[in-house]
C-alpha atoms as a PDB file:
ATOM      1  CA  UNK A   1     -98.191 -86.753 -10.672  1.00  0.00           C
ATOM      2  CA  UNK A   2     -99.086 -86.230 -14.325  1.00  0.00           C
ATOM      3  CA  UNK A   3     -99.103 -82.669 -15.635  1.00  0.00           C
ATOM      4  CA  UNK A   4    -101.020 -81.202 -18.568  1.00  0.00           C
ATOM      5  CA  UNK A   5    -100.156 -77.987 -20.357  1.00  0.00           C
ATOM      6  CA  UNK A   6    -102.601 -76.134 -22.602  1.00  0.00           C
ATOM      7  CA  UNK A   7    -101.316 -73.223 -24.748  1.00  0.00           C
ATOM      8  CA  UNK A   8     -97.847 -73.298 -26.285  1.00  0.00           C
ATOM      9  CA  UNK A   9     -97.374 -69.692 -27.385  1.00  0.00           C
ATOM     10  CA  UNK A  10     -94.320 -67.470 -27.004  1.00  0.00           C
ATOM     11  CA  UNK A  11     -94.223 -67.961 -23.236  1.00  0.00           C
ATOM     12  CA  UNK A  12     -96.101 -71.233 -22.799  1.00  0.00           C
ATOM     13  CA  UNK A  13     -93.801 -73.156 -25.120  1.00  0.00           C
ATOM     14  CA  UNK A  14     -90.690 -72.472 -23.014  1.00  0.00           C
ATOM     15  CA  UNK A  15     -92.517 -72.778 -19.691  1.00  0.00           C
ATOM     16  CA  UNK A  16     -93.803 -76.202 -20.706  1.00  0.00           C
ATOM     17  CA  UNK A  17     -90.411 -77.268 -21.965  1.00  0.00           C
ATOM     18  CA  UNK A  18     -88.936 -76.580 -18.521  1.00  0.00           C
ATOM     19  CA  UNK A  19     -91.634 -78.754 -16.941  1.00  0.00           C
ATOM     20  CA  UNK A  20     -90.939 -81.576 -19.407  1.00  0.00           C
ATOM     21  CA  UNK A  21     -87.207 -81.466 -18.657  1.00  0.00           C
ATOM     22  CA  UNK A  22     -87.529 -81.195 -14.875  1.00  0.00           C
ATOM     23  CA  UNK A  23     -90.580 -83.287 -13.992  1.00  0.00           C
ATOM     24  CA  UNK A  24     -90.256 -87.028 -13.390  1.00  0.00           C
ATOM     25  CA  UNK A  25     -93.666 -88.062 -14.754  1.00  0.00           C
ATOM     26  CA  UNK A  26     -95.617 -87.633 -18.006  1.00  0.00           C
ATOM     27  CA  UNK A  27     -96.460 -84.184 -19.358  1.00  0.00           C
ATOM     28  CA  UNK A  28     -99.410 -83.931 -21.741  1.00  0.00           C
ATOM     29  CA  UNK A  29     -99.662 -80.944 -24.095  1.00  0.00           C
ATOM     30  CA  UNK A  30    -102.110 -79.297 -26.458  1.00  0.00           C
ATOM     31  CA  UNK A  31    -102.146 -76.297 -28.766  1.00  0.00           C
ATOM     32  CA  UNK A  32    -104.215 -75.530 -31.835  1.00  0.00           C
ATOM     33  CA  UNK A  33    -100.958 -75.107 -33.777  1.00  0.00           C
ATOM     34  CA  UNK A  34     -99.790 -78.659 -34.480  1.00  0.00           C
ATOM     35  CA  UNK A  35     -96.139 -77.661 -35.002  1.00  0.00           C
ATOM     36  CA  UNK A  36     -95.960 -76.397 -31.440  1.00  0.00           C
ATOM     37  CA  UNK A  37     -97.205 -79.714 -30.100  1.00  0.00           C
ATOM     38  CA  UNK A  38     -94.667 -81.600 -32.204  1.00  0.00           C
ATOM     39  CA  UNK A  39     -91.873 -79.382 -30.835  1.00  0.00           C
ATOM     40  CA  UNK A  40     -92.745 -80.351 -27.280  1.00  0.00           C
ATOM     41  CA  UNK A  41     -93.143 -83.989 -28.260  1.00  0.00           C
ATOM     42  CA  UNK A  42     -89.531 -83.833 -29.487  1.00  0.00           C
ATOM     43  CA  UNK A  43     -88.313 -83.085 -25.958  1.00  0.00           C
ATOM     44  CA  UNK A  44     -90.452 -85.745 -24.301  1.00  0.00           C
ATOM     45  CA  UNK A  45     -94.038 -84.496 -23.932  1.00  0.00           C
ATOM     46  CA  UNK A  46     -97.108 -86.471 -25.025  1.00  0.00           C
ATOM     47  CA  UNK A  47     -99.241 -84.581 -27.557  1.00  0.00           C
ATOM     48  CA  UNK A  48    -103.039 -84.503 -27.269  1.00  0.00           C
ATOM     49  CA  UNK A  49    -105.753 -83.596 -29.731  1.00  0.00           C
ATOM     50  CA  UNK A  50    -107.740 -81.282 -27.404  1.00  0.00           C
ATOM     51  CA  UNK A  51    -107.728 -79.490 -24.059  1.00  0.00           C
ATOM     52  CA  UNK A  52    -110.246 -82.029 -22.806  1.00  0.00           C
ATOM     53  CA  UNK A  53    -107.904 -84.916 -23.631  1.00  0.00           C
ATOM     54  CA  UNK A  54    -105.109 -83.192 -21.669  1.00  0.00           C
ATOM     55  CA  UNK A  55    -107.440 -82.758 -18.649  1.00  0.00           C
ATOM     56  CA  UNK A  56    -108.595 -86.382 -18.824  1.00  0.00           C
ATOM     57  CA  UNK A  57    -105.008 -87.646 -18.414  1.00  0.00           C
ATOM     58  CA  UNK A  58    -103.460 -85.049 -16.107  1.00  0.00           C
ATOM     59  CA  UNK A  59    -103.615 -84.590 -12.335  1.00  0.00           C
ATOM     60  CA  UNK A  60    -102.530 -80.962 -12.655  1.00  0.00           C
ATOM     61  CA  UNK A  61    -103.784 -78.929 -15.622  1.00  0.00           C
ATOM     62  CA  UNK A  62    -101.900 -75.757 -16.539  1.00  0.00           C
ATOM     63  CA  UNK A  63    -103.273 -73.254 -19.051  1.00  0.00           C
ATOM     64  CA  UNK A  64    -101.419 -70.378 -20.683  1.00  0.00           C
ATOM     65  CA  UNK A  65    -103.660 -68.687 -23.250  1.00  0.00           C
ATOM     66  CA  UNK A  66    -103.947 -65.056 -24.481  1.00  0.00           C
ATOM     67  CA  UNK A  67    -107.241 -63.588 -23.311  1.00  0.00           C
ATOM     68  CA  UNK A  68    -110.151 -63.943 -20.909  1.00  0.00           C
ATOM     69  CA  UNK A  69    -112.378 -65.516 -23.563  1.00  0.00           C
ATOM     70  CA  UNK A  70    -109.724 -68.147 -24.303  1.00  0.00           C
ATOM     71  CA  UNK A  71    -109.450 -69.133 -20.642  1.00  0.00           C
ATOM     72  CA  UNK A  72    -113.247 -69.355 -20.385  1.00  0.00           C
ATOM     73  CA  UNK A  73    -113.285 -71.542 -23.484  1.00  0.00           C
ATOM     74  CA  UNK A  74    -110.593 -73.898 -22.147  1.00  0.00           C
ATOM     75  CA  UNK A  75    -112.270 -74.376 -18.755  1.00  0.00           C
ATOM     76  CA  UNK A  76    -115.695 -74.679 -20.309  1.00  0.00           C
ATOM     77  CA  UNK A  77    -114.347 -77.558 -22.407  1.00  0.00           C
ATOM     78  CA  UNK A  78    -112.557 -79.384 -19.626  1.00  0.00           C
ATOM     79  CA  UNK A  79    -115.143 -78.868 -16.895  1.00  0.00           C
ATOM     80  CA  UNK A  80    -116.930 -82.235 -17.501  1.00  0.00           C
ATOM     81  CA  UNK A  81    -113.740 -84.223 -16.762  1.00  0.00           C
ATOM     82  CA  UNK A  82    -112.656 -82.348 -13.626  1.00  0.00           C
ATOM     83  CA  UNK A  83    -113.020 -83.920 -10.185  1.00  0.00           C
ATOM     84  CA  UNK A  84    -111.685 -83.717  -6.638  1.00  0.00           C
ATOM     85  CA  UNK A  85    -108.392 -85.374  -7.667  1.00  0.00           C
ATOM     86  CA  UNK A  86    -107.422 -82.609 -10.105  1.00  0.00           C
ATOM     87  CA  UNK A  87    -105.902 -79.147  -9.729  1.00  0.00           C
ATOM     88  CA  UNK A  88    -106.053 -76.379 -12.335  1.00  0.00           C
ATOM     89  CA  UNK A  89    -103.495 -73.586 -12.675  1.00  0.00           C
ATOM     90  CA  UNK A  90    -104.363 -70.781 -15.073  1.00  0.00           C
ATOM     91  CA  UNK A  91    -101.191 -68.835 -15.833  1.00  0.00           C
ATOM     92  CA  UNK A  92    -102.843 -66.595 -18.417  1.00  0.00           C
ATOM     93  CA  UNK A  93    -103.092 -62.863 -17.923  1.00  0.00           C
ATOM     94  CA  UNK A  94    -106.824 -62.185 -17.956  1.00  0.00           C
ATOM     95  CA  UNK A  95    -109.397 -60.025 -16.171  1.00  0.00           C
ATOM     96  CA  UNK A  96    -109.313 -60.850 -12.425  1.00  0.00           C
ATOM     97  CA  UNK A  97    -113.124 -60.962 -12.281  1.00  0.00           C
ATOM     98  CA  UNK A  98    -113.202 -63.548 -15.093  1.00  0.00           C
ATOM     99  CA  UNK A  99    -110.588 -65.639 -13.270  1.00  0.00           C
ATOM    100  CA  UNK A 100    -112.702 -65.614 -10.094  1.00  0.00           C
ATOM    101  CA  UNK A 101    -115.694 -66.761 -12.166  1.00  0.00           C
ATOM    102  CA  UNK A 102    -113.618 -69.608 -13.608  1.00  0.00           C
ATOM    103  CA  UNK A 103    -112.356 -70.595 -10.172  1.00  0.00           C
ATOM    104  CA  UNK A 104    -115.903 -70.929  -8.931  1.00  0.00           C
ATOM    105  CA  UNK A 105    -116.844 -73.114 -11.890  1.00  0.00           C
ATOM    106  CA  UNK A 106    -113.790 -75.343 -11.354  1.00  0.00           C
ATOM    107  CA  UNK A 107    -114.279 -75.657  -7.586  1.00  0.00           C
ATOM    108  CA  UNK A 108    -117.922 -76.673  -8.103  1.00  0.00           C
ATOM    109  CA  UNK A 109    -116.591 -79.887  -9.672  1.00  0.00           C
ATOM    110  CA  UNK A 110    -114.473 -80.637  -6.560  1.00  0.00           C
ATOM    111  CA  UNK A 111    -111.225 -79.671  -8.328  1.00  0.00           C
ATOM    112  CA  UNK A 112    -108.835 -77.017  -7.034  1.00  0.00           C
ATOM    113  CA  UNK A 113    -107.885 -73.798  -8.842  1.00  0.00           C
ATOM    114  CA  UNK A 114    -105.262 -71.105  -8.599  1.00  0.00           C
ATOM    115  CA  UNK A 115    -104.402 -68.189 -10.873  1.00  0.00           C
ATOM    116  CA  UNK A 116    -100.639 -67.852 -11.392  1.00  0.00           C
ATOM    117  CA  UNK A 117     -99.749 -65.213 -14.004  1.00  0.00           C
ATOM    118  CA  UNK A 118     -96.092 -64.606 -14.799  1.00  0.00           C
ATOM    119  CA  UNK A 119     -93.825 -61.586 -15.119  1.00  0.00           C
ATOM    120  CA  UNK A 120     -90.706 -61.082 -17.252  1.00  0.00           C
ATOM    121  CA  UNK A 121     -90.567 -62.228 -20.884  1.00  0.00           C
ATOM    122  CA  UNK A 122     -89.315 -64.888 -23.249  1.00  0.00           C
ATOM    123  CA  UNK A 123     -85.638 -65.081 -22.098  1.00  0.00           C
ATOM    124  CA  UNK A 124     -86.793 -65.690 -18.519  1.00  0.00           C
ATOM    125  CA  UNK A 125     -89.310 -68.284 -19.715  1.00  0.00           C
ATOM    126  CA  UNK A 126     -86.497 -70.134 -21.449  1.00  0.00           C
ATOM    127  CA  UNK A 127     -84.209 -69.903 -18.403  1.00  0.00           C
ATOM    128  CA  UNK A 128     -86.961 -70.870 -15.952  1.00  0.00           C
ATOM    129  CA  UNK A 129     -86.503 -67.603 -14.007  1.00  0.00           C
ATOM    130  CA  UNK A 130     -89.942 -66.081 -14.281  1.00  0.00           C
ATOM    131  CA  UNK A 131     -91.693 -64.271 -11.441  1.00  0.00           C
ATOM    132  CA  UNK A 132     -95.047 -65.860 -10.563  1.00  0.00           C
ATOM    133  CA  UNK A 133     -97.938 -64.264  -8.653  1.00  0.00           C
ATOM    134  CA  UNK A 134    -100.470 -66.674  -7.171  1.00  0.00           C
ATOM    135  CA  UNK A 135    -104.095 -66.226  -6.142  1.00  0.00           C
ATOM    136  CA  UNK A 136    -105.815 -69.092  -4.321  1.00  0.00           C
ATOM    137  CA  UNK A 137    -106.012 -71.108  -1.128  1.00  0.00           C
ATOM    138  CA  UNK A 138    -102.702 -71.366   0.757  1.00  0.00           C
ATOM    139  CA  UNK A 139    -102.791 -75.161   0.932  1.00  0.00           C
ATOM    140  CA  UNK A 140    -103.242 -75.440  -2.827  1.00  0.00           C
ATOM    141  CA  UNK A 141    -100.487 -72.879  -3.384  1.00  0.00           C
ATOM    142  CA  UNK A 142     -98.082 -74.853  -1.204  1.00  0.00           C
ATOM    143  CA  UNK A 143     -98.925 -78.111  -3.005  1.00  0.00           C
ATOM    144  CA  UNK A 144     -98.398 -76.556  -6.422  1.00  0.00           C
ATOM    145  CA  UNK A 145     -95.324 -74.449  -5.546  1.00  0.00           C
ATOM    146  CA  UNK A 146     -92.795 -77.154  -6.622  1.00  0.00           C
ATOM    147  CA  UNK A 147     -94.410 -77.272 -10.066  1.00  0.00           C
ATOM    148  CA  UNK A 148     -94.382 -73.499 -10.345  1.00  0.00           C
ATOM    149  CA  UNK A 149     -90.678 -73.517  -9.436  1.00  0.00           C
ATOM    150  CA  UNK A 150     -89.984 -75.542 -12.590  1.00  0.00           C
ATOM    151  CA  UNK A 151     -90.851 -72.335 -14.450  1.00  0.00           C
ATOM    152  CA  UNK A 152     -89.934 -69.506 -12.106  1.00  0.00           C
ATOM    153  CA  UNK A 153     -87.390 -68.573  -9.471  1.00  0.00           C
ATOM    154  CA  UNK A 154     -89.615 -66.169  -7.507  1.00  0.00           C
ATOM    155  CA  UNK A 155     -93.113 -67.341  -6.525  1.00  0.00           C
ATOM    156  CA  UNK A 156     -95.350 -65.398  -4.158  1.00  0.00           C
ATOM    157  CA  UNK A 157     -98.975 -65.884  -3.028  1.00  0.00           C
ATOM    158  CA  UNK A 158    -100.917 -62.616  -3.141  1.00  0.00           C
ATOM    159  CA  UNK A 159    -104.150 -63.812  -1.531  1.00  0.00           C
ATOM    160  CA  UNK A 160    -107.398 -65.424  -2.644  1.00  0.00           C
ATOM    161  CA  UNK A 161    -108.413 -66.350  -6.209  1.00  0.00           C
ATOM    162  CA  UNK A 162    -107.932 -63.427  -8.594  1.00  0.00           C
ATOM    163  CA  UNK A 163    -105.338 -61.609  -6.477  1.00  0.00           C
ATOM    164  CA  UNK A 164    -102.393 -63.036  -8.436  1.00  0.00           C
ATOM    165  CA  UNK A 165    -103.889 -61.386 -11.501  1.00  0.00           C
ATOM    166  CA  UNK A 166    -104.495 -58.095  -9.681  1.00  0.00           C
ATOM    167  CA  UNK A 167    -100.776 -58.050  -8.834  1.00  0.00           C
ATOM    168  CA  UNK A 168     -99.803 -58.919 -12.396  1.00  0.00           C
ATOM    169  CA  UNK A 169    -101.936 -56.119 -13.795  1.00  0.00           C
ATOM    170  CA  UNK A 170    -100.436 -53.645 -11.300  1.00  0.00           C
ATOM    171  CA  UNK A 171     -96.956 -54.839 -12.282  1.00  0.00           C
ATOM    172  CA  UNK A 172     -97.523 -54.394 -16.007  1.00  0.00           C
ATOM    173  CA  UNK A 173     -99.211 -51.045 -15.516  1.00  0.00           C
ATOM    174  CA  UNK A 174     -96.129 -49.826 -13.630  1.00  0.00           C
ATOM    175  CA  UNK A 175     -93.900 -51.156 -16.395  1.00  0.00           C
ATOM    176  CA  UNK A 176     -95.942 -49.320 -19.018  1.00  0.00           C
ATOM    177  CA  UNK A 177     -95.462 -46.047 -17.165  1.00  0.00           C
ATOM    178  CA  UNK A 178     -91.729 -46.650 -16.609  1.00  0.00           C
ATOM    179  CA  UNK A 179     -91.500 -47.501 -20.280  1.00  0.00           C
ATOM    180  CA  UNK A 180     -93.213 -44.284 -21.268  1.00  0.00           C
ATOM    181  CA  UNK A 181     -90.883 -42.263 -19.081  1.00  0.00           C
ATOM    182  CA  UNK A 182     -87.878 -43.982 -20.689  1.00  0.00           C
ATOM    183  CA  UNK A 183     -89.267 -43.387 -24.190  1.00  0.00           C
ATOM    184  CA  UNK A 184     -89.856 -39.703 -23.590  1.00  0.00           C
ATOM    185  CA  UNK A 185     -86.529 -38.949 -21.905  1.00  0.00           C
ATOM    186  CA  UNK A 186     -84.497 -41.060 -24.363  1.00  0.00           C
ATOM    187  CA  UNK A 187     -86.145 -39.133 -27.177  1.00  0.00           C
ATOM    188  CA  UNK A 188     -85.403 -35.794 -25.521  1.00  0.00           C
ATOM    189  CA  UNK A 189     -81.758 -36.846 -24.928  1.00  0.00           C
ATOM    190  CA  UNK A 190     -81.416 -37.932 -28.566  1.00  0.00           C
ATOM    191  CA  UNK A 191     -82.737 -34.505 -29.722  1.00  0.00           C
ATOM    192  CA  UNK A 192     -79.787 -33.053 -27.838  1.00  0.00           C
ATOM    193  CA  UNK A 193     -77.143 -35.421 -29.239  1.00  0.00           C
ATOM    194  CA  UNK A 194     -77.032 -38.028 -26.454  1.00  0.00           C
ATOM    195  CA  UNK A 195     -77.334 -41.618 -27.703  1.00  0.00           C
ATOM    196  CA  UNK A 196     -79.255 -44.249 -25.769  1.00  0.00           C
ATOM    197  CA  UNK A 197     -76.211 -46.225 -24.603  1.00  0.00           C
ATOM    198  CA  UNK A 198     -74.599 -43.134 -23.102  1.00  0.00           C
ATOM    199  CA  UNK A 199     -77.975 -42.098 -21.683  1.00  0.00           C
ATOM    200  CA  UNK A 200     -78.405 -45.476 -19.953  1.00  0.00           C
ATOM    201  CA  UNK A 201     -74.931 -45.385 -18.453  1.00  0.00           C
ATOM    202  CA  UNK A 202     -75.516 -41.893 -17.108  1.00  0.00           C
ATOM    203  CA  UNK A 203     -78.929 -42.853 -15.684  1.00  0.00           C
ATOM    204  CA  UNK A 204     -77.259 -45.739 -13.797  1.00  0.00           C
ATOM    205  CA  UNK A 205     -75.211 -43.218 -11.812  1.00  0.00           C
ATOM    206  CA  UNK A 206     -78.387 -41.807 -10.223  1.00  0.00           C
ATOM    207  CA  UNK A 207     -81.806 -42.828  -8.980  1.00  0.00           C
ATOM    208  CA  UNK A 208     -83.436 -43.369 -12.360  1.00  0.00           C
ATOM    209  CA  UNK A 209     -81.932 -46.766 -13.124  1.00  0.00           C
ATOM    210  CA  UNK A 210     -84.530 -49.371 -14.021  1.00  0.00           C
ATOM    211  CA  UNK A 211     -84.782 -52.883 -15.435  1.00  0.00           C
ATOM    212  CA  UNK A 212     -86.730 -51.782 -18.511  1.00  0.00           C
ATOM    213  CA  UNK A 213     -84.008 -49.382 -19.679  1.00  0.00           C
ATOM    214  CA  UNK A 214     -81.214 -51.790 -18.787  1.00  0.00           C
ATOM    215  CA  UNK A 215     -82.773 -54.659 -20.749  1.00  0.00           C
ATOM    216  CA  UNK A 216     -84.115 -52.666 -23.710  1.00  0.00           C
ATOM    217  CA  UNK A 217     -81.344 -50.188 -24.463  1.00  0.00           C
ATOM    218  CA  UNK A 218     -79.572 -52.494 -26.890  1.00  0.00           C
ATOM    219  CA  UNK A 219     -82.712 -53.544 -28.836  1.00  0.00           C
ATOM    220  CA  UNK A 220     -83.755 -49.877 -29.096  1.00  0.00           C
ATOM    221  CA  UNK A 221     -80.238 -48.786 -30.128  1.00  0.00           C
ATOM    222  CA  UNK A 222     -80.207 -51.468 -32.837  1.00  0.00           C
ATOM    223  CA  UNK A 223     -83.874 -50.912 -33.695  1.00  0.00           C
ATOM    224  CA  UNK A 224     -84.406 -54.618 -33.179  1.00  0.00           C
ATOM    225  CA  UNK A 225     -88.026 -55.116 -32.274  1.00  0.00           C
ATOM    226  CA  UNK A 226     -87.984 -58.939 -32.291  1.00  0.00           C
ATOM    227  CA  UNK A 227     -90.842 -59.940 -30.004  1.00  0.00           C
ATOM    228  CA  UNK A 228     -90.112 -61.094 -26.485  1.00  0.00           C
ATOM    229  CA  UNK A 229     -93.397 -59.555 -25.242  1.00  0.00           C
ATOM    230  CA  UNK A 230     -95.689 -58.003 -27.781  1.00  0.00           C
ATOM    231  CA  UNK A 231     -97.312 -54.586 -27.987  1.00  0.00           C
ATOM    232  CA  UNK A 232    -100.716 -56.259 -28.386  1.00  0.00           C
ATOM    233  CA  UNK A 233    -100.286 -58.233 -25.177  1.00  0.00           C
ATOM    234  CA  UNK A 234     -99.251 -55.186 -23.146  1.00  0.00           C
ATOM    235  CA  UNK A 235    -102.114 -53.253 -24.758  1.00  0.00           C
ATOM    236  CA  UNK A 236    -104.456 -55.939 -23.476  1.00  0.00           C
ATOM    237  CA  UNK A 237    -102.988 -55.668 -19.960  1.00  0.00           C
ATOM    238  CA  UNK A 238    -103.196 -51.862 -19.925  1.00  0.00           C
ATOM    239  CA  UNK A 239    -106.855 -52.103 -20.874  1.00  0.00           C
ATOM    240  CA  UNK A 240    -107.475 -54.649 -18.100  1.00  0.00           C
ATOM    241  CA  UNK A 241    -105.825 -52.245 -15.695  1.00  0.00           C
ATOM    242  CA  UNK A 242    -108.044 -49.377 -16.701  1.00  0.00           C
ATOM    243  CA  UNK A 243    -111.145 -51.531 -16.357  1.00  0.00           C
ATOM    244  CA  UNK A 244    -110.020 -52.695 -12.901  1.00  0.00           C
ATOM    245  CA  UNK A 245    -109.289 -49.088 -11.884  1.00  0.00           C
ATOM    246  CA  UNK A 246    -112.766 -48.075 -13.000  1.00  0.00           C
ATOM    247  CA  UNK A 247    -114.334 -50.917 -10.984  1.00  0.00           C
ATOM    248  CA  UNK A 248    -112.346 -49.807  -7.920  1.00  0.00           C
ATOM    249  CA  UNK A 249    -112.929 -46.089  -8.494  1.00  0.00           C
ATOM    250  CA  UNK A 250    -109.176 -45.394  -8.615  1.00  0.00           C
ATOM    251  CA  UNK A 251    -107.862 -42.541 -10.778  1.00  0.00           C
ATOM    252  CA  UNK A 252    -104.806 -43.474 -12.897  1.00  0.00           C
ATOM    253  CA  UNK A 253    -103.958 -40.537 -15.211  1.00  0.00           C
ATOM    254  CA  UNK A 254    -100.466 -41.885 -15.877  1.00  0.00           C
ATOM    255  CA  UNK A 255    -101.894 -45.163 -17.068  1.00  0.00           C
ATOM    256  CA  UNK A 256    -104.423 -43.320 -19.226  1.00  0.00           C
ATOM    257  CA  UNK A 257    -101.498 -41.708 -20.962  1.00  0.00           C
ATOM    258  CA  UNK A 258     -99.784 -45.097 -21.408  1.00  0.00           C
ATOM    259  CA  UNK A 259    -103.000 -46.394 -22.975  1.00  0.00           C
ATOM    260  CA  UNK A 260    -102.973 -43.510 -25.452  1.00  0.00           C
ATOM    261  CA  UNK A 261     -99.469 -44.480 -26.565  1.00  0.00           C
ATOM    262  CA  UNK A 262    -100.429 -48.128 -26.887  1.00  0.00           C
ATOM    263  CA  UNK A 263    -103.579 -47.260 -28.814  1.00  0.00           C
ATOM    264  CA  UNK A 264    -101.487 -45.272 -31.308  1.00  0.00           C
ATOM    265  CA  UNK A 265     -99.055 -48.185 -31.597  1.00  0.00           C
ATOM    266  CA  UNK A 266    -101.934 -50.557 -32.322  1.00  0.00           C
ATOM    267  CA  UNK A 267    -103.446 -48.151 -34.851  1.00  0.00           C
ATOM    268  CA  UNK A 268    -100.043 -47.961 -36.563  1.00  0.00           C
ATOM    269  CA  UNK A 269    -100.022 -51.740 -37.042  1.00  0.00           C
ATOM    270  CA  UNK A 270     -97.227 -52.424 -34.535  1.00  0.00           C
ATOM    271  CA  UNK A 271     -99.152 -54.925 -32.447  1.00  0.00           C
ATOM    272  CA  UNK A 272     -96.977 -57.965 -33.234  1.00  0.00           C
ATOM    273  CA  UNK A 273     -93.689 -56.173 -32.531  1.00  0.00           C
ATOM    274  CA  UNK A 274     -91.921 -56.166 -29.164  1.00  0.00           C
ATOM    275  CA  UNK A 275     -93.431 -53.730 -26.734  1.00  0.00           C
ATOM    276  CA  UNK A 276     -90.288 -51.598 -26.721  1.00  0.00           C
ATOM    277  CA  UNK A 277     -91.361 -50.554 -30.253  1.00  0.00           C
ATOM    278  CA  UNK A 278     -93.680 -48.032 -28.566  1.00  0.00           C
ATOM    279  CA  UNK A 279     -90.735 -45.659 -28.757  1.00  0.00           C
ATOM    280  CA  UNK A 280     -91.536 -45.265 -32.438  1.00  0.00           C
ATOM    281  CA  UNK A 281     -94.877 -43.698 -31.447  1.00  0.00           C
ATOM    282  CA  UNK A 282     -93.285 -41.364 -28.922  1.00  0.00           C
ATOM    283  CA  UNK A 283     -90.614 -40.214 -31.381  1.00  0.00           C
ATOM    284  CA  UNK A 284     -93.314 -39.333 -33.942  1.00  0.00           C
ATOM    285  CA  UNK A 285     -95.549 -37.301 -31.616  1.00  0.00           C
END
């Protein structure tokens, strides 16, 4: 079974590298940045000149691109070469409604489609320990599960097409609110002479312990905002969440506040920094 991978960004690069190293057949790759293609060629992938060329060669086509419009562009390009022998897996984090639209386009060709967005960030992508939420038919999910396990250690089907993305958006919305709670209380503790390392240890003695604080206390303490997951990507996800909530007529005042923080971070030009850099915004309020 030949695999194609389209989109070799911060996450996609490492996800694809795991596939290349673990899969026993050819892996075709494409990205608009030629250096990224060459990096994957160096570990055994076959570089292609377009998304369409990847799809022509591959039995399973995986995409990992930034936004809804990018996913629509990829699938619009490869649609003419899809058929009943191919399966598409979009691992991008995009609007669920757009993903459902893409799934319908793909299935009309006879090909199969699942959405499979990921959680966790760059270190987990490197280690192959991502969490993966899947939306799509159960039979397709079961057939693709071994490939997904090249990239992640926890894979769960959430329901029909689009539901993997709904779960991903709910996950990242919760993270944004946990993050804001950490930012505010860390800042309050610091104003009273308690440093973040001591704060995190004390929190671990009670019910407030959380993965975000545990994983980000050192970068925040060192003011190291090297990007594992960017502010601009979480800003995108928070906006998707608010649009989804509006569609579903669900009130989310906590997420509205998270969006205000992210908007300020974007306005301050912090978009490319790691999303833990939002603490700069909270400290300045």
